[in-house]
Amino acid sequence: MPRIASAKKNMRKSRAAAVRNRAQRSALRTALKTAKSAEATPAQKTAATSLLDRSARKGLIHKNNAARQKSRLAKAKAAAK
């Protein structure tokens, strides 16, 4: 356990960020799974795309990872037509 006040505060902040990141990453993964499923609606694919954009902007995932996932969703969307 840290003794210095700033170290205690940093520990609180990092715990809160870890919880927040875990929840957001889980929501992103769930959205991607539903968007990749065979019976996915266009709205679900759009929602997954916007979540990918937001996650990359916030630093949750790397921007190239988001771009790759969006490309794969678009390719799957085109193949389904």
Protein backbone atom coordinates (compact mmCIF):
# COMPACT_ATOMS: atom_id res chain seq x y z
CA MET A 1 0.00 0.00 0.00
CA PRO A 2 1.30 3.43 -0.90
CA ARG A 3 2.00 5.87 1.90
CA ILE A 4 2.31 9.06 -0.12
CA ALA A 5 -0.94 10.91 -0.82
CA SER A 6 -0.31 11.33 -4.53
CA ALA A 7 0.49 7.63 -4.88
CA LYS A 8 -2.77 6.76 -3.09
CA LYS A 9 -4.68 9.02 -5.46
CA ASN A 10 -2.95 7.48 -8.50
CA MET A 11 -3.91 4.04 -7.24
CA ARG A 12 -7.56 5.08 -6.93
CA LYS A 13 -7.49 6.60 -10.40
CA SER A 14 -5.90 3.57 -12.00
CA ARG A 15 -8.42 1.22 -10.34
CA ALA A 16 -11.33 3.33 -11.58
CA ALA A 17 -9.86 3.47 -15.09
CA ALA A 18 -9.33 -0.30 -15.13
CA VAL A 19 -12.96 -0.93 -14.19
CA ARG A 20 -14.17 1.56 -16.79
CA ASN A 21 -11.91 0.10 -19.51
CA ARG A 22 -13.00 -3.44 -18.72
CA ALA A 23 -16.68 -2.51 -19.06
CA GLN A 24 -16.14 -0.60 -22.31
CA ARG A 25 -14.00 -3.35 -23.82
CA SER A 26 -16.64 -5.93 -22.91
CA ALA A 27 -19.39 -3.82 -24.50
CA LEU A 28 -17.28 -3.43 -27.64
CA ARG A 29 -16.62 -7.16 -27.91
CA THR A 30 -20.31 -7.95 -27.42
CA ALA A 31 -21.30 -5.45 -30.12
CA LEU A 32 -18.74 -6.94 -32.52
CA LYS A 33 -20.01 -10.47 -31.89
CA THR A 34 -23.61 -9.47 -32.56
CA ALA A 35 -22.59 -7.50 -35.67
CA LYS A 36 -20.65 -10.49 -37.04
CA SER A 37 -23.50 -12.93 -36.46
CA ALA A 38 -25.52 -14.14 -39.43
CA GLU A 39 -28.76 -12.44 -38.36
CA ALA A 40 -27.21 -9.04 -37.60
CA THR A 41 -29.21 -5.98 -38.64
CA PRO A 42 -27.62 -2.98 -40.37
CA ALA A 43 -28.29 -0.95 -37.22
CA GLN A 44 -26.22 -3.37 -35.15
CA LYS A 45 -23.35 -3.12 -37.62
CA THR A 46 -23.55 0.68 -37.53
CA ALA A 47 -23.54 0.63 -33.73
CA ALA A 48 -20.48 -1.62 -33.71
CA THR A 49 -18.72 0.72 -36.14
CA SER A 50 -19.40 3.77 -33.99
CA LEU A 51 -18.21 1.90 -30.88
CA LEU A 52 -14.99 1.02 -32.70
CA ASP A 53 -14.47 4.66 -33.65
CA ARG A 54 -15.07 5.86 -30.10
CA SER A 55 -12.82 3.16 -28.61
CA ALA A 56 -9.97 4.13 -30.92
CA ARG A 57 -10.43 7.82 -30.20
CA LYS A 58 -10.41 7.25 -26.45
CA GLY A 59 -7.37 4.97 -26.62
CA LEU A 60 -9.14 1.80 -25.56
CA ILE A 61 -7.90 0.03 -28.69
CA HIS A 62 -5.32 1.02 -31.28
CA LYS A 63 -6.59 3.00 -34.28
CA ASN A 64 -5.29 0.38 -36.74
CA ASN A 65 -7.15 -2.33 -34.83
CA ALA A 66 -10.36 -0.31 -35.15
CA ALA A 67 -9.74 0.27 -38.86
CA ARG A 68 -9.12 -3.43 -39.44
CA GLN A 69 -12.29 -4.44 -37.59
CA LYS A 70 -14.36 -1.86 -39.49
CA SER A 71 -12.95 -3.10 -42.78
CA ARG A 72 -13.88 -6.67 -41.93
CA LEU A 73 -17.41 -5.60 -40.95
CA ALA A 74 -17.82 -3.71 -44.21
CA LYS A 75 -16.52 -6.67 -46.19
CA ALA A 76 -18.96 -9.00 -44.42
CA LYS A 77 -21.77 -6.51 -45.04
CA ALA A 78 -20.96 -6.45 -48.77
CA ALA A 79 -20.73 -10.25 -48.97
CA ALA A 80 -24.14 -10.62 -47.29
CA LYS A 81 -25.87 -8.62 -50.04
